[in-house]
């Protein structure tokens, strides 16, 4: 069974309820039909019932197994409004302003997650990352003790890759949110992503901090930042196996690592790659996706109190299904 198939099988096992708020997008409507056929837990759509059902008929999507949350008929609507007012009282949010805010389906989805009515939400097929994440950051917020919300891409190598046998899947972070992380943020990103690996994959993470230097081979303030981040991460989470700084080949190829970092046990085993900044992570994951034919799932959020995930606006319905599976796995590992 491939990695994607395994994630889908876990989603069937966990039976988590995931919300898709962009309910009038054709891709979003096709996805629940596939989730239903696969046996996932319930999919919740947000919006006007008649409009969603009409749109589903137009695109030929079977949403009979999906649940529609329409504010006009939702029995929890008053509770949702009052809870939002309470959460945002420091901002002076009134009941009327809360009702206006809840016309945004993503905010509505965020409140469903906050109240435990659903286990997570997936958005971004037609909205920007900022629009997808803003409601979550306002009402769901970070896990206790987490200072930095981060994101990673799950990179699944094709079976033709020479590294498929040993490293068929890797997490690349932070590849979506933190532009130029400080050492403290790098440490948070590493710990967040390592915890996500454990929750989703069920095995121990092996974390490599990447740089243009391996164990002091180059001297630069950017190398110093990576080394400082590693030291902070090790101090905060000594139970996680991590090392650095590594050039990418030293982290991924055991023979190269043995030459460049002979005292490290991480080379050839790394499955979580921490990049020095967003530019490097974004360039890196897209190179692997396009040149190696890898599947890139994400960006997947780490550090949220409850799972919320973004989509590329170029995503296909199958990508939404896979992200629903990832979100269900995260919810099960909370």
C-alpha atoms as a PDB file:
ATOM      1  CA  UNK A   1       0.000   0.000   0.000  1.00  0.00           C
ATOM      2  CA  UNK A   2       1.344   3.448  -0.959  1.00  0.00           C
ATOM      3  CA  UNK A   3       1.648   6.377   1.431  1.00  0.00           C
ATOM      4  CA  UNK A   4      -1.445   8.124   0.064  1.00  0.00           C
ATOM      5  CA  UNK A   5      -3.472   4.921   0.253  1.00  0.00           C
ATOM      6  CA  UNK A   6      -2.287   4.459   3.820  1.00  0.00           C
ATOM      7  CA  UNK A   7      -3.417   7.957   4.801  1.00  0.00           C
ATOM      8  CA  UNK A   8      -6.798   7.353   3.210  1.00  0.00           C
ATOM      9  CA  UNK A   9      -7.128   4.040   5.056  1.00  0.00           C
ATOM     10  CA  UNK A  10      -6.383   5.832   8.327  1.00  0.00           C
ATOM     11  CA  UNK A  11      -9.053   8.438   7.514  1.00  0.00           C
ATOM     12  CA  UNK A  12     -11.552   5.596   7.125  1.00  0.00           C
ATOM     13  CA  UNK A  13     -10.429   4.137  10.444  1.00  0.00           C
ATOM     14  CA  UNK A  14     -10.563   7.422  12.379  1.00  0.00           C
ATOM     15  CA  UNK A  15     -13.987   8.600  11.099  1.00  0.00           C
ATOM     16  CA  UNK A  16     -13.307  12.262  11.827  1.00  0.00           C
ATOM     17  CA  UNK A  17     -15.748  14.957  10.710  1.00  0.00           C
ATOM     18  CA  UNK A  18     -14.053  17.466   8.397  1.00  0.00           C
ATOM     19  CA  UNK A  19     -15.557  20.704   7.079  1.00  0.00           C
ATOM     20  CA  UNK A  20     -15.146  22.046   3.540  1.00  0.00           C
ATOM     21  CA  UNK A  21     -16.427  25.641   3.665  1.00  0.00           C
ATOM     22  CA  UNK A  22     -15.947  26.507  -0.028  1.00  0.00           C
ATOM     23  CA  UNK A  23     -19.110  24.624  -0.876  1.00  0.00           C
ATOM     24  CA  UNK A  24     -19.963  26.278  -4.203  1.00  0.00           C
ATOM     25  CA  UNK A  25     -16.644  25.372  -5.840  1.00  0.00           C
ATOM     26  CA  UNK A  26     -16.995  22.431  -8.221  1.00  0.00           C
ATOM     27  CA  UNK A  27     -13.846  20.726  -6.888  1.00  0.00           C
ATOM     28  CA  UNK A  28     -15.080  21.066  -3.319  1.00  0.00           C
ATOM     29  CA  UNK A  29     -18.364  19.401  -4.251  1.00  0.00           C
ATOM     30  CA  UNK A  30     -16.716  16.516  -6.087  1.00  0.00           C
ATOM     31  CA  UNK A  31     -14.471  15.751  -3.109  1.00  0.00           C
ATOM     32  CA  UNK A  32     -17.242  14.687  -0.655  1.00  0.00           C
ATOM     33  CA  UNK A  33     -18.501  12.165  -3.171  1.00  0.00           C
ATOM     34  CA  UNK A  34     -15.044  10.552  -3.300  1.00  0.00           C
ATOM     35  CA  UNK A  35     -14.690  10.751   0.494  1.00  0.00           C
ATOM     36  CA  UNK A  36     -18.050   9.038   0.839  1.00  0.00           C
ATOM     37  CA  UNK A  37     -17.140   6.257  -1.583  1.00  0.00           C
ATOM     38  CA  UNK A  38     -13.859   5.677   0.254  1.00  0.00           C
ATOM     39  CA  UNK A  39     -15.653   5.479   3.601  1.00  0.00           C
ATOM     40  CA  UNK A  40     -14.203   8.586   5.289  1.00  0.00           C
ATOM     41  CA  UNK A  41     -15.986  10.180   8.213  1.00  0.00           C
ATOM     42  CA  UNK A  42     -18.699  12.790   7.536  1.00  0.00           C
ATOM     43  CA  UNK A  43     -17.947  15.791   5.345  1.00  0.00           C
ATOM     44  CA  UNK A  44     -19.621  19.054   6.342  1.00  0.00           C
ATOM     45  CA  UNK A  45     -20.366  21.776   3.788  1.00  0.00           C
ATOM     46  CA  UNK A  46     -21.173  25.354   4.790  1.00  0.00           C
ATOM     47  CA  UNK A  47     -23.660  27.641   3.083  1.00  0.00           C
ATOM     48  CA  UNK A  48     -27.178  27.971   1.716  1.00  0.00           C
ATOM     49  CA  UNK A  49     -28.669  24.496   1.342  1.00  0.00           C
ATOM     50  CA  UNK A  50     -30.603  25.184  -1.856  1.00  0.00           C
ATOM     51  CA  UNK A  51     -27.642  26.891  -3.532  1.00  0.00           C
ATOM     52  CA  UNK A  52     -25.260  24.068  -2.619  1.00  0.00           C
ATOM     53  CA  UNK A  53     -27.629  21.344  -3.818  1.00  0.00           C
ATOM     54  CA  UNK A  54     -28.288  23.194  -7.071  1.00  0.00           C
ATOM     55  CA  UNK A  55     -24.595  23.686  -7.682  1.00  0.00           C
ATOM     56  CA  UNK A  56     -23.967  19.999  -6.960  1.00  0.00           C
ATOM     57  CA  UNK A  57     -26.523  19.045  -9.586  1.00  0.00           C
ATOM     58  CA  UNK A  58     -24.870  21.380 -12.092  1.00  0.00           C
ATOM     59  CA  UNK A  59     -21.461  19.741 -11.662  1.00  0.00           C
ATOM     60  CA  UNK A  60     -22.834  16.205 -11.294  1.00  0.00           C
ATOM     61  CA  UNK A  61     -21.538  15.722  -7.740  1.00  0.00           C
ATOM     62  CA  UNK A  62     -23.197  13.274  -5.367  1.00  0.00           C
ATOM     63  CA  UNK A  63     -23.237  15.011  -1.987  1.00  0.00           C
ATOM     64  CA  UNK A  64     -25.905  12.784  -0.465  1.00  0.00           C
ATOM     65  CA  UNK A  65     -23.521  11.664   2.281  1.00  0.00           C
ATOM     66  CA  UNK A  66     -22.399  15.196   3.128  1.00  0.00           C
ATOM     67  CA  UNK A  67     -23.915  17.328   5.887  1.00  0.00           C
ATOM     68  CA  UNK A  68     -24.845  20.921   5.033  1.00  0.00           C
ATOM     69  CA  UNK A  69     -24.584  23.553   7.756  1.00  0.00           C
ATOM     70  CA  UNK A  70     -26.850  26.434   6.732  1.00  0.00           C
ATOM     71  CA  UNK A  71     -26.930  29.355   9.180  1.00  0.00           C
ATOM     72  CA  UNK A  72     -30.643  29.822   8.453  1.00  0.00           C
ATOM     73  CA  UNK A  73     -31.476  26.358   9.805  1.00  0.00           C
ATOM     74  CA  UNK A  74     -28.458  25.409  11.937  1.00  0.00           C
ATOM     75  CA  UNK A  75     -29.685  24.521  15.462  1.00  0.00           C
ATOM     76  CA  UNK A  76     -26.314  25.637  16.839  1.00  0.00           C
ATOM     77  CA  UNK A  77     -26.366  29.057  15.187  1.00  0.00           C
ATOM     78  CA  UNK A  78     -27.183  31.095  18.315  1.00  0.00           C
ATOM     79  CA  UNK A  79     -24.497  29.245  20.271  1.00  0.00           C
ATOM     80  CA  UNK A  80     -21.991  29.909  17.484  1.00  0.00           C
ATOM     81  CA  UNK A  81     -22.814  33.628  17.505  1.00  0.00           C
ATOM     82  CA  UNK A  82     -22.559  33.966  21.279  1.00  0.00           C
ATOM     83  CA  UNK A  83     -19.299  32.030  21.407  1.00  0.00           C
ATOM     84  CA  UNK A  84     -17.757  34.225  18.713  1.00  0.00           C
ATOM     85  CA  UNK A  85     -18.841  37.352  20.635  1.00  0.00           C
ATOM     86  CA  UNK A  86     -17.204  35.944  23.774  1.00  0.00           C
ATOM     87  CA  UNK A  87     -13.971  35.043  21.981  1.00  0.00           C
ATOM     88  CA  UNK A  88     -13.690  38.477  20.364  1.00  0.00           C
ATOM     89  CA  UNK A  89     -15.014  40.570  23.255  1.00  0.00           C
ATOM     90  CA  UNK A  90     -11.612  42.197  23.708  1.00  0.00           C
ATOM     91  CA  UNK A  91     -12.071  43.570  20.175  1.00  0.00           C
ATOM     92  CA  UNK A  92     -15.531  44.895  21.069  1.00  0.00           C
ATOM     93  CA  UNK A  93     -17.376  42.524  18.716  1.00  0.00           C
ATOM     94  CA  UNK A  94     -21.146  42.969  18.929  1.00  0.00           C
ATOM     95  CA  UNK A  95     -23.792  40.331  18.230  1.00  0.00           C
ATOM     96  CA  UNK A  96     -24.647  42.001  14.927  1.00  0.00           C
ATOM     97  CA  UNK A  97     -20.982  42.194  13.945  1.00  0.00           C
ATOM     98  CA  UNK A  98     -20.574  38.513  14.830  1.00  0.00           C
ATOM     99  CA  UNK A  99     -23.516  37.590  12.609  1.00  0.00           C
ATOM    100  CA  UNK A 100     -21.956  39.609   9.804  1.00  0.00           C
ATOM    101  CA  UNK A 101     -18.582  37.880  10.320  1.00  0.00           C
ATOM    102  CA  UNK A 102     -20.270  34.481  10.159  1.00  0.00           C
ATOM    103  CA  UNK A 103     -21.473  35.199   6.636  1.00  0.00           C
ATOM    104  CA  UNK A 104     -17.895  34.263   5.760  1.00  0.00           C
ATOM    105  CA  UNK A 105     -18.107  30.482   5.375  1.00  0.00           C
ATOM    106  CA  UNK A 106     -14.507  30.046   6.534  1.00  0.00           C
ATOM    107  CA  UNK A 107     -15.220  31.872   9.799  1.00  0.00           C
ATOM    108  CA  UNK A 108     -18.288  29.682  10.182  1.00  0.00           C
ATOM    109  CA  UNK A 109     -16.122  26.595   9.657  1.00  0.00           C
ATOM    110  CA  UNK A 110     -13.605  27.879  12.206  1.00  0.00           C
ATOM    111  CA  UNK A 111     -16.368  28.223  14.786  1.00  0.00           C
ATOM    112  CA  UNK A 112     -17.613  24.706  14.055  1.00  0.00           C
ATOM    113  CA  UNK A 113     -14.086  23.489  14.803  1.00  0.00           C
ATOM    114  CA  UNK A 114     -13.806  25.666  17.910  1.00  0.00           C
ATOM    115  CA  UNK A 115     -17.022  24.222  19.333  1.00  0.00           C
ATOM    116  CA  UNK A 116     -16.044  20.641  18.510  1.00  0.00           C
ATOM    117  CA  UNK A 117     -18.923  20.194  16.066  1.00  0.00           C
ATOM    118  CA  UNK A 118     -16.352  19.236  13.431  1.00  0.00           C
ATOM    119  CA  UNK A 119     -12.784  18.022  13.902  1.00  0.00           C
ATOM    120  CA  UNK A 120     -11.048  20.303  11.395  1.00  0.00           C
ATOM    121  CA  UNK A 121     -11.495  22.249   8.188  1.00  0.00           C
ATOM    122  CA  UNK A 122      -9.850  22.423   4.763  1.00  0.00           C
ATOM    123  CA  UNK A 123     -10.032  25.527   2.570  1.00  0.00           C
ATOM    124  CA  UNK A 124      -8.051  27.368  -0.090  1.00  0.00           C
ATOM    125  CA  UNK A 125      -9.399  26.065  -3.403  1.00  0.00           C
ATOM    126  CA  UNK A 126     -10.752  29.555  -4.111  1.00  0.00           C
ATOM    127  CA  UNK A 127      -9.410  31.582  -1.178  1.00  0.00           C
ATOM    128  CA  UNK A 128      -5.933  32.832  -0.394  1.00  0.00           C
ATOM    129  CA  UNK A 129      -3.857  31.366   2.414  1.00  0.00           C
ATOM    130  CA  UNK A 130      -4.455  34.544   4.426  1.00  0.00           C
ATOM    131  CA  UNK A 131      -8.237  34.262   4.058  1.00  0.00           C
ATOM    132  CA  UNK A 132      -8.124  30.578   4.920  1.00  0.00           C
ATOM    133  CA  UNK A 133      -6.027  30.986   8.050  1.00  0.00           C
ATOM    134  CA  UNK A 134      -7.192  34.322   9.481  1.00  0.00           C
ATOM    135  CA  UNK A 135     -10.397  32.955  11.065  1.00  0.00           C
ATOM    136  CA  UNK A 136      -8.505  30.007  12.534  1.00  0.00           C
ATOM    137  CA  UNK A 137      -5.885  32.267  14.076  1.00  0.00           C
ATOM    138  CA  UNK A 138      -8.634  34.469  15.526  1.00  0.00           C
ATOM    139  CA  UNK A 139     -10.803  31.786  17.117  1.00  0.00           C
ATOM    140  CA  UNK A 140      -9.041  28.386  17.182  1.00  0.00           C
ATOM    141  CA  UNK A 141      -5.556  29.736  17.896  1.00  0.00           C
ATOM    142  CA  UNK A 142      -2.376  27.852  18.745  1.00  0.00           C
ATOM    143  CA  UNK A 143      -1.898  24.922  21.068  1.00  0.00           C
ATOM    144  CA  UNK A 144      -0.950  25.944  24.606  1.00  0.00           C
ATOM    145  CA  UNK A 145       2.749  26.769  24.747  1.00  0.00           C
ATOM    146  CA  UNK A 146       3.110  27.147  20.972  1.00  0.00           C
ATOM    147  CA  UNK A 147       4.420  30.564  19.951  1.00  0.00           C
ATOM    148  CA  UNK A 148       4.871  29.961  16.208  1.00  0.00           C
ATOM    149  CA  UNK A 149       2.255  28.552  13.851  1.00  0.00           C
ATOM    150  CA  UNK A 150       4.047  26.960  10.905  1.00  0.00           C
ATOM    151  CA  UNK A 151       3.327  24.896   7.820  1.00  0.00           C
ATOM    152  CA  UNK A 152       4.906  22.034   5.925  1.00  0.00           C
ATOM    153  CA  UNK A 153       4.492  20.183   2.674  1.00  0.00           C
ATOM    154  CA  UNK A 154       4.220  16.427   2.757  1.00  0.00           C
ATOM    155  CA  UNK A 155       6.427  15.232  -0.107  1.00  0.00           C
ATOM    156  CA  UNK A 156       5.670  11.728  -1.378  1.00  0.00           C
ATOM    157  CA  UNK A 157       8.342  10.405  -3.740  1.00  0.00           C
ATOM    158  CA  UNK A 158       7.418   8.273  -6.746  1.00  0.00           C
ATOM    159  CA  UNK A 159       8.313   4.594  -6.536  1.00  0.00           C
ATOM    160  CA  UNK A 160      10.859   5.177  -9.309  1.00  0.00           C
ATOM    161  CA  UNK A 161      12.941   7.347  -6.975  1.00  0.00           C
ATOM    162  CA  UNK A 162      16.188   5.747  -5.754  1.00  0.00           C
ATOM    163  CA  UNK A 163      15.271   7.001  -2.266  1.00  0.00           C
ATOM    164  CA  UNK A 164      11.739   5.561  -2.220  1.00  0.00           C
ATOM    165  CA  UNK A 165      12.798   2.418  -0.350  1.00  0.00           C
ATOM    166  CA  UNK A 166      14.309   4.333   2.569  1.00  0.00           C
ATOM    167  CA  UNK A 167      12.650   7.766   2.505  1.00  0.00           C
ATOM    168  CA  UNK A 168       9.363   7.523   0.574  1.00  0.00           C
ATOM    169  CA  UNK A 169       7.857  10.525   2.344  1.00  0.00           C
ATOM    170  CA  UNK A 170       9.338  13.648   3.901  1.00  0.00           C
ATOM    171  CA  UNK A 171       8.009  16.824   5.496  1.00  0.00           C
ATOM    172  CA  UNK A 172       9.478  20.161   4.282  1.00  0.00           C
ATOM    173  CA  UNK A 173       9.093  23.125   6.688  1.00  0.00           C
ATOM    174  CA  UNK A 174       8.368  25.977   6.927  1.00  0.00           C
ATOM    175  CA  UNK A 175       7.209  26.159   3.348  1.00  0.00           C
ATOM    176  CA  UNK A 176       4.246  28.528   3.593  1.00  0.00           C
ATOM    177  CA  UNK A 177       4.119  30.907   6.540  1.00  0.00           C
ATOM    178  CA  UNK A 178       7.248  32.205   8.288  1.00  0.00           C
ATOM    179  CA  UNK A 179       9.298  34.227   5.815  1.00  0.00           C
ATOM    180  CA  UNK A 180      12.596  34.604   7.660  1.00  0.00           C
ATOM    181  CA  UNK A 181      12.423  32.666  10.929  1.00  0.00           C
ATOM    182  CA  UNK A 182      14.497  33.621  13.947  1.00  0.00           C
ATOM    183  CA  UNK A 183      16.387  30.872  15.792  1.00  0.00           C
ATOM    184  CA  UNK A 184      13.479  30.665  18.223  1.00  0.00           C
ATOM    185  CA  UNK A 185      11.017  30.285  15.363  1.00  0.00           C
ATOM    186  CA  UNK A 186      13.189  27.662  13.658  1.00  0.00           C
ATOM    187  CA  UNK A 187      13.109  25.656  16.885  1.00  0.00           C
ATOM    188  CA  UNK A 188       9.308  25.974  17.069  1.00  0.00           C
ATOM    189  CA  UNK A 189       8.961  24.970  13.414  1.00  0.00           C
ATOM    190  CA  UNK A 190      11.102  21.870  13.946  1.00  0.00           C
ATOM    191  CA  UNK A 191       9.207  20.766  17.041  1.00  0.00           C
ATOM    192  CA  UNK A 192       5.789  21.498  15.487  1.00  0.00           C
ATOM    193  CA  UNK A 193       6.632  19.542  12.355  1.00  0.00           C
ATOM    194  CA  UNK A 194       8.148  16.637  14.273  1.00  0.00           C
ATOM    195  CA  UNK A 195       4.959  16.326  16.332  1.00  0.00           C
ATOM    196  CA  UNK A 196       2.907  16.386  13.128  1.00  0.00           C
ATOM    197  CA  UNK A 197       5.063  13.581  11.715  1.00  0.00           C
ATOM    198  CA  UNK A 198       4.436  11.453  14.794  1.00  0.00           C
ATOM    199  CA  UNK A 199       0.689  12.126  14.706  1.00  0.00           C
ATOM    200  CA  UNK A 200       0.263  11.464  11.005  1.00  0.00           C
ATOM    201  CA  UNK A 201       2.837   8.799  10.215  1.00  0.00           C
ATOM    202  CA  UNK A 202       2.906   6.939  13.509  1.00  0.00           C
ATOM    203  CA  UNK A 203       6.702   6.598  13.509  1.00  0.00           C
ATOM    204  CA  UNK A 204       9.482   8.626  15.102  1.00  0.00           C
ATOM    205  CA  UNK A 205      10.568  11.803  13.312  1.00  0.00           C
ATOM    206  CA  UNK A 206      14.222  12.283  12.366  1.00  0.00           C
ATOM    207  CA  UNK A 207      14.837  16.012  11.935  1.00  0.00           C
ATOM    208  CA  UNK A 208      17.577  17.633   9.847  1.00  0.00           C
ATOM    209  CA  UNK A 209      18.264  21.386   9.993  1.00  0.00           C
ATOM    210  CA  UNK A 210      19.383  22.386   6.508  1.00  0.00           C
ATOM    211  CA  UNK A 211      21.917  25.004   5.461  1.00  0.00           C
ATOM    212  CA  UNK A 212      24.561  25.658   2.797  1.00  0.00           C
ATOM    213  CA  UNK A 213      27.003  24.408   5.439  1.00  0.00           C
ATOM    214  CA  UNK A 214      27.570  21.035   7.088  1.00  0.00           C
ATOM    215  CA  UNK A 215      28.888  21.051  10.648  1.00  0.00           C
ATOM    216  CA  UNK A 216      30.814  24.289  10.323  1.00  0.00           C
ATOM    217  CA  UNK A 217      32.098  23.886   6.771  1.00  0.00           C
ATOM    218  CA  UNK A 218      31.045  27.479   6.085  1.00  0.00           C
ATOM    219  CA  UNK A 219      31.003  30.534   8.310  1.00  0.00           C
ATOM    220  CA  UNK A 220      28.092  32.956   7.989  1.00  0.00           C
ATOM    221  CA  UNK A 221      25.459  34.579  10.157  1.00  0.00           C
ATOM    222  CA  UNK A 222      22.775  32.555   8.360  1.00  0.00           C
ATOM    223  CA  UNK A 223      24.581  29.352   9.360  1.00  0.00           C
ATOM    224  CA  UNK A 224      24.771  30.657  12.913  1.00  0.00           C
ATOM    225  CA  UNK A 225      20.996  31.142  12.899  1.00  0.00           C
ATOM    226  CA  UNK A 226      20.385  27.518  11.924  1.00  0.00           C
ATOM    227  CA  UNK A 227      22.800  26.214  14.548  1.00  0.00           C
ATOM    228  CA  UNK A 228      21.178  28.384  17.220  1.00  0.00           C
ATOM    229  CA  UNK A 229      17.736  27.115  16.202  1.00  0.00           C
ATOM    230  CA  UNK A 230      18.934  23.521  16.474  1.00  0.00           C
ATOM    231  CA  UNK A 231      20.328  24.072  19.962  1.00  0.00           C
ATOM    232  CA  UNK A 232      17.085  25.687  21.139  1.00  0.00           C
ATOM    233  CA  UNK A 233      15.014  22.851  19.675  1.00  0.00           C
ATOM    234  CA  UNK A 234      17.175  20.197  21.315  1.00  0.00           C
ATOM    235  CA  UNK A 235      16.870  21.935  24.671  1.00  0.00           C
ATOM    236  CA  UNK A 236      13.088  22.263  24.374  1.00  0.00           C
ATOM    237  CA  UNK A 237      12.409  18.760  23.001  1.00  0.00           C
ATOM    238  CA  UNK A 238      15.321  16.423  23.814  1.00  0.00           C
ATOM    239  CA  UNK A 239      13.162  13.387  23.059  1.00  0.00           C
ATOM    240  CA  UNK A 240      13.107  14.276  19.332  1.00  0.00           C
ATOM    241  CA  UNK A 241      16.044  13.039  17.247  1.00  0.00           C
ATOM    242  CA  UNK A 242      17.465  16.041  15.404  1.00  0.00           C
ATOM    243  CA  UNK A 243      20.783  17.332  14.167  1.00  0.00           C
ATOM    244  CA  UNK A 244      22.425  19.848  11.856  1.00  0.00           C
ATOM    245  CA  UNK A 245      23.495  21.978  10.290  1.00  0.00           C
ATOM    246  CA  UNK A 246      23.506  19.908   7.090  1.00  0.00           C
ATOM    247  CA  UNK A 247      23.768  20.501   3.401  1.00  0.00           C
ATOM    248  CA  UNK A 248      20.877  18.655   1.803  1.00  0.00           C
ATOM    249  CA  UNK A 249      22.953  15.800   0.389  1.00  0.00           C
ATOM    250  CA  UNK A 250      24.575  15.188   3.773  1.00  0.00           C
ATOM    251  CA  UNK A 251      21.154  14.954   5.410  1.00  0.00           C
ATOM    252  CA  UNK A 252      19.638  12.624   2.838  1.00  0.00           C
ATOM    253  CA  UNK A 253      22.488  10.354   1.681  1.00  0.00           C
ATOM    254  CA  UNK A 254      24.158   8.180   4.298  1.00  0.00           C
ATOM    255  CA  UNK A 255      27.488   7.934   2.459  1.00  0.00           C
ATOM    256  CA  UNK A 256      27.759  11.690   2.039  1.00  0.00           C
ATOM    257  CA  UNK A 257      26.731  12.236   5.630  1.00  0.00           C
ATOM    258  CA  UNK A 258      29.361   9.770   6.818  1.00  0.00           C
ATOM    259  CA  UNK A 259      32.022  11.881   5.116  1.00  0.00           C
ATOM    260  CA  UNK A 260      30.760  15.308   6.127  1.00  0.00           C
ATOM    261  CA  UNK A 261      29.215  14.540   9.539  1.00  0.00           C
ATOM    262  CA  UNK A 262      30.677  11.219  10.716  1.00  0.00           C
ATOM    263  CA  UNK A 263      29.442  11.626  14.290  1.00  0.00           C
ATOM    264  CA  UNK A 264      25.794  12.138  13.324  1.00  0.00           C
ATOM    265  CA  UNK A 265      23.129   9.431  13.122  1.00  0.00           C
ATOM    266  CA  UNK A 266      20.691  11.555  11.105  1.00  0.00           C
ATOM    267  CA  UNK A 267      22.197  11.345   7.570  1.00  0.00           C
ATOM    268  CA  UNK A 268      20.320   8.895   5.393  1.00  0.00           C
ATOM    269  CA  UNK A 269      17.450   8.715   7.869  1.00  0.00           C
ATOM    270  CA  UNK A 270      16.070  12.271   7.893  1.00  0.00           C
ATOM    271  CA  UNK A 271      12.333  12.503   7.239  1.00  0.00           C
ATOM    272  CA  UNK A 272      11.660  16.054   8.502  1.00  0.00           C
ATOM    273  CA  UNK A 273      13.666  18.767   6.746  1.00  0.00           C
ATOM    274  CA  UNK A 274      13.834  22.208   8.350  1.00  0.00           C
ATOM    275  CA  UNK A 275      14.816  24.913   5.868  1.00  0.00           C
ATOM    276  CA  UNK A 276      16.524  28.158   6.910  1.00  0.00           C
ATOM    277  CA  UNK A 277      13.811  30.360   5.395  1.00  0.00           C
ATOM    278  CA  UNK A 278      10.641  30.351   3.334  1.00  0.00           C
ATOM    279  CA  UNK A 279      12.442  31.028   0.053  1.00  0.00           C
ATOM    280  CA  UNK A 280      14.572  27.906   0.405  1.00  0.00           C
ATOM    281  CA  UNK A 281      11.646  25.720   1.505  1.00  0.00           C
ATOM    282  CA  UNK A 282       9.310  26.893  -1.248  1.00  0.00           C
ATOM    283  CA  UNK A 283      11.968  26.526  -3.950  1.00  0.00           C
ATOM    284  CA  UNK A 284      12.995  23.140  -2.576  1.00  0.00           C
ATOM    285  CA  UNK A 285       9.583  21.538  -2.455  1.00  0.00           C
ATOM    286  CA  UNK A 286       8.646  22.765  -5.924  1.00  0.00           C
ATOM    287  CA  UNK A 287      11.908  21.480  -7.416  1.00  0.00           C
ATOM    288  CA  UNK A 288      11.277  18.034  -5.947  1.00  0.00           C
ATOM    289  CA  UNK A 289       7.648  18.100  -7.028  1.00  0.00           C
ATOM    290  CA  UNK A 290       8.366  19.118 -10.618  1.00  0.00           C
ATOM    291  CA  UNK A 291      11.720  17.488 -11.368  1.00  0.00           C
ATOM    292  CA  UNK A 292      11.329  14.282  -9.374  1.00  0.00           C
ATOM    293  CA  UNK A 293       7.608  13.812 -10.009  1.00  0.00           C
ATOM    294  CA  UNK A 294       6.846  13.831  -6.284  1.00  0.00           C
ATOM    295  CA  UNK A 295       3.372  14.444  -4.872  1.00  0.00           C
ATOM    296  CA  UNK A 296       3.227  17.553  -2.679  1.00  0.00           C
ATOM    297  CA  UNK A 297       0.371  17.695  -0.175  1.00  0.00           C
ATOM    298  CA  UNK A 298      -0.118  20.938   1.688  1.00  0.00           C
ATOM    299  CA  UNK A 299       0.612  23.344   3.057  1.00  0.00           C
ATOM    300  CA  UNK A 300      -0.312  21.435   6.214  1.00  0.00           C
ATOM    301  CA  UNK A 301      -0.537  23.529   9.370  1.00  0.00           C
ATOM    302  CA  UNK A 302       1.404  22.683  12.532  1.00  0.00           C
ATOM    303  CA  UNK A 303       0.866  24.115  15.995  1.00  0.00           C
ATOM    304  CA  UNK A 304      -2.866  24.868  15.807  1.00  0.00           C
ATOM    305  CA  UNK A 305      -5.052  23.796  18.719  1.00  0.00           C
ATOM    306  CA  UNK A 306      -7.166  21.889  16.191  1.00  0.00           C
ATOM    307  CA  UNK A 307      -6.321  20.998  12.596  1.00  0.00           C
ATOM    308  CA  UNK A 308      -6.852  23.528   9.819  1.00  0.00           C
ATOM    309  CA  UNK A 309      -5.298  23.078   6.399  1.00  0.00           C
ATOM    310  CA  UNK A 310      -4.798  25.137   3.287  1.00  0.00           C
ATOM    311  CA  UNK A 311      -5.073  24.154  -0.373  1.00  0.00           C
ATOM    312  CA  UNK A 312      -3.420  25.440  -3.494  1.00  0.00           C
ATOM    313  CA  UNK A 313      -5.872  27.364  -5.643  1.00  0.00           C
ATOM    314  CA  UNK A 314      -4.724  25.121  -8.476  1.00  0.00           C
ATOM    315  CA  UNK A 315      -5.721  21.979  -6.587  1.00  0.00           C
ATOM    316  CA  UNK A 316      -7.756  19.120  -8.011  1.00  0.00           C
ATOM    317  CA  UNK A 317     -10.639  17.360  -6.264  1.00  0.00           C
ATOM    318  CA  UNK A 318      -8.274  14.464  -5.514  1.00  0.00           C
ATOM    319  CA  UNK A 319      -5.942  16.893  -3.731  1.00  0.00           C
ATOM    320  CA  UNK A 320      -8.826  17.981  -1.511  1.00  0.00           C
ATOM    321  CA  UNK A 321      -9.580  14.342  -0.684  1.00  0.00           C
ATOM    322  CA  UNK A 322      -5.956  13.744   0.279  1.00  0.00           C
ATOM    323  CA  UNK A 323      -5.883  16.882   2.436  1.00  0.00           C
ATOM    324  CA  UNK A 324      -9.088  15.765   4.152  1.00  0.00           C
ATOM    325  CA  UNK A 325      -7.318  12.477   4.933  1.00  0.00           C
ATOM    326  CA  UNK A 326      -4.311  14.350   6.337  1.00  0.00           C
ATOM    327  CA  UNK A 327      -6.582  16.530   8.460  1.00  0.00           C
ATOM    328  CA  UNK A 328      -8.416  13.482   9.823  1.00  0.00           C
ATOM    329  CA  UNK A 329      -5.081  11.927  10.786  1.00  0.00           C
ATOM    330  CA  UNK A 330      -4.001  15.126  12.521  1.00  0.00           C
ATOM    331  CA  UNK A 331      -7.294  15.251  14.420  1.00  0.00           C
ATOM    332  CA  UNK A 332      -6.823  11.673  15.568  1.00  0.00           C
ATOM    333  CA  UNK A 333      -3.339  12.489  16.809  1.00  0.00           C
ATOM    334  CA  UNK A 334      -4.335  15.569  18.817  1.00  0.00           C
END
